[in-house]
Amino acid sequence: MKRSGTLIIGDTRAFGSVIRALLEPIAVQTGPVTETTYEDCRGVLTSRMLRETALFVLELWRSYGTGWRAEGVAVAEQLMRIGAAPLIVSPLSLGGKLDASCYWDLASRDDLAERIATALQAGVSRSLSPYEEIESVKRIFREHLAKPVGHE
């Protein structure tokens, strides 16, 4: 079965709105676009959606009452384990140092709309295996992967 569509998961609804605007020009060809927040995603993520969605666009950071977590990295790793294609979107500037198709930020060689369109139209093209990619991203955000105190 061919995967189609995009699920956008962010810390706030504003993230979803921005990504949706980038997807509008290509959404007709790439399938439905759904957006949610990390807080609400348990009610949206079904096993069918996990199997059928072509791309999961994830905001890097999630705000908890007691701190921040690199939630996008943790979720991307889980998605890769089931064969799904995640794209972590970050406000940082590490993209020049980090050659991972599952990570995009302001220093990446392509713009975000281009990266999303490529991932949706041609599938994610990786120079490394998915395992190597997510491990390289995890190394950079290692200290931000634990949930803040008081959150499970």
Protein backbone atom coordinates (compact mmCIF):
# COMPACT_ATOMS: atom_id res chain seq x y z
CA MET A 1 0.00 0.00 0.00
CA LYS A 2 1.30 3.43 -0.94
CA ARG A 3 1.47 5.96 1.86
CA SER A 4 0.00 9.42 1.34
CA GLY A 5 -0.69 12.57 3.26
CA THR A 6 1.06 14.41 6.03
CA LEU A 7 0.60 14.59 9.77
CA ILE A 8 2.03 17.69 11.42
CA ILE A 9 2.73 17.50 15.16
CA GLY A 10 3.95 20.55 17.06
CA ASP A 11 4.16 22.08 20.48
CA THR A 12 1.47 24.60 19.51
CA ARG A 13 -1.18 24.90 16.80
CA ALA A 14 0.82 27.78 15.29
CA PHE A 15 3.50 25.34 14.11
CA GLY A 16 0.87 23.31 12.27
CA SER A 17 -0.53 26.42 10.61
CA VAL A 18 2.88 27.44 9.26
CA ILE A 19 3.67 23.98 7.89
CA ARG A 20 0.17 23.67 6.40
CA ALA A 21 0.73 26.95 4.52
CA LEU A 22 3.94 25.51 3.03
CA LEU A 23 2.06 22.40 1.96
CA GLU A 24 -0.89 24.14 0.28
CA PRO A 25 0.71 24.37 -3.19
CA ILE A 26 1.40 20.61 -3.28
CA ALA A 27 -1.33 19.17 -1.03
CA VAL A 28 -3.58 18.18 -3.95
CA GLN A 29 -0.90 15.81 -5.24
CA THR A 30 0.33 14.52 -1.88
CA GLY A 31 -2.83 13.70 0.03
CA PRO A 32 -4.57 15.04 3.11
CA VAL A 33 -2.84 17.20 5.69
CA THR A 34 -3.69 16.70 9.35
CA GLU A 35 -2.27 18.72 12.20
CA THR A 36 -2.23 18.29 15.94
CA THR A 37 -0.12 19.07 18.98
CA TYR A 38 2.05 16.73 21.01
CA GLU A 39 -0.42 17.10 23.84
CA ASP A 40 -3.36 16.02 21.67
CA CYS A 41 -1.69 13.49 19.35
CA ARG A 42 -2.71 10.40 21.30
CA GLY A 43 -6.29 11.07 20.29
CA VAL A 44 -5.31 11.50 16.62
CA LEU A 45 -2.66 8.83 16.04
CA THR A 46 -4.26 5.56 15.06
CA SER A 47 -2.52 2.44 13.85
CA ARG A 48 -4.07 3.05 10.43
CA MET A 49 -2.70 6.61 10.33
CA LEU A 50 0.74 5.35 11.31
CA ARG A 51 0.65 2.79 8.47
CA GLU A 52 -0.78 5.08 5.78
CA THR A 53 0.77 8.52 6.36
CA ALA A 54 3.61 9.42 3.99
CA LEU A 55 5.31 12.06 6.13
CA PHE A 56 5.24 13.11 9.77
CA VAL A 57 6.46 16.70 10.23
CA LEU A 58 7.56 17.15 13.84
CA GLU A 59 8.46 20.29 15.72
CA LEU A 60 11.78 19.76 17.49
CA TRP A 61 10.87 21.26 20.87
CA ARG A 62 7.99 20.55 23.25
CA SER A 63 7.38 22.76 26.23
CA TYR A 64 6.52 21.14 29.54
CA GLY A 65 5.68 23.16 32.65
CA THR A 66 9.10 22.35 34.10
CA GLY A 67 11.29 22.52 30.99
CA TRP A 68 11.84 21.71 27.33
CA ARG A 69 12.37 18.40 25.59
CA ALA A 70 13.56 17.49 22.09
CA GLU A 71 10.24 15.70 21.60
CA GLY A 72 10.58 15.65 17.81
CA VAL A 73 13.70 13.51 18.06
CA ALA A 74 12.08 11.02 20.44
CA VAL A 75 8.95 10.73 18.27
CA ALA A 76 11.01 10.48 15.06
CA GLU A 77 12.92 7.54 16.49
CA GLN A 78 9.67 5.73 17.33
CA LEU A 79 8.27 6.43 13.86
CA MET A 80 11.42 5.17 12.13
CA ARG A 81 11.15 1.89 14.06
CA ILE A 82 7.82 1.20 12.33
CA GLY A 83 9.05 2.30 8.90
CA ALA A 84 7.39 5.74 8.86
CA ALA A 85 9.12 8.84 7.48
CA PRO A 86 9.59 11.68 9.99
CA LEU A 87 10.95 15.16 9.38
CA ILE A 88 12.07 17.10 12.46
CA VAL A 89 11.78 20.87 11.96
CA SER A 90 14.03 22.97 14.16
CA PRO A 91 14.56 26.71 14.73
CA LEU A 92 18.30 26.11 15.24
CA SER A 93 21.22 26.33 12.79
CA LEU A 94 22.83 22.91 12.85
CA GLY A 95 21.74 21.65 9.43
CA GLY A 96 25.11 22.34 7.83
CA LYS A 97 26.83 20.04 10.34
CA LEU A 98 24.10 17.42 10.46
CA ASP A 99 23.53 15.55 7.21
CA ALA A 100 20.27 13.81 8.02
CA SER A 101 17.23 13.88 5.76
CA CYS A 102 15.01 13.48 8.84
CA TYR A 103 16.19 16.84 10.25
CA TRP A 104 15.75 20.34 8.81
CA ASP A 105 16.71 23.72 10.23
CA LEU A 106 17.69 27.21 9.14
CA ALA A 107 21.21 26.13 8.09
CA SER A 108 20.05 23.25 5.88
CA ARG A 109 21.07 23.37 2.22
CA ASP A 110 17.46 23.38 1.00
CA ASP A 111 14.48 25.37 2.15
CA LEU A 112 11.74 23.76 4.20
CA ALA A 113 9.11 23.74 1.45
CA GLU A 114 11.60 22.01 -0.86
CA ARG A 115 12.48 19.39 1.75
CA ILE A 116 8.84 18.60 2.45
CA ALA A 117 7.94 18.43 -1.24
CA THR A 118 10.87 16.12 -1.97
CA ALA A 119 10.01 13.85 0.94
CA LEU A 120 6.38 13.64 -0.14
CA GLN A 121 6.86 13.29 -3.88
CA ALA A 122 9.89 11.07 -4.11
CA GLY A 123 10.09 9.51 -0.67
CA VAL A 124 12.77 10.30 1.85
CA SER A 125 16.21 10.04 0.29
CA ARG A 126 18.84 9.09 2.84
CA SER A 127 22.62 9.08 2.59
CA LEU A 128 22.67 7.10 5.86
CA SER A 129 20.41 4.31 7.07
CA PRO A 130 17.41 5.49 9.13
CA TYR A 131 19.12 4.08 12.25
CA GLU A 132 22.36 6.00 11.56
CA GLU A 133 20.43 9.18 10.82
CA ILE A 134 18.39 9.20 14.01
CA GLU A 135 21.44 8.23 16.07
CA SER A 136 23.37 11.23 14.70
CA VAL A 137 20.45 13.53 15.58
CA LYS A 138 20.09 11.94 19.03
CA ARG A 139 23.80 12.55 19.75
CA ILE A 140 23.33 16.28 19.21
CA PHE A 141 20.20 16.51 21.38
CA ARG A 142 21.18 13.88 23.97
CA GLU A 143 20.86 16.22 26.94
CA HIS A 144 17.37 17.29 25.80
CA LEU A 145 15.81 13.84 25.35
CA ALA A 146 14.82 13.11 28.95
CA LYS A 147 11.37 14.32 29.94
CA PRO A 148 11.48 17.22 32.40
CA VAL A 149 11.03 16.43 36.08
CA GLY A 150 7.46 15.57 37.00
CA HIS A 151 6.41 14.34 33.52
CA GLU A 152 6.07 10.77 32.33
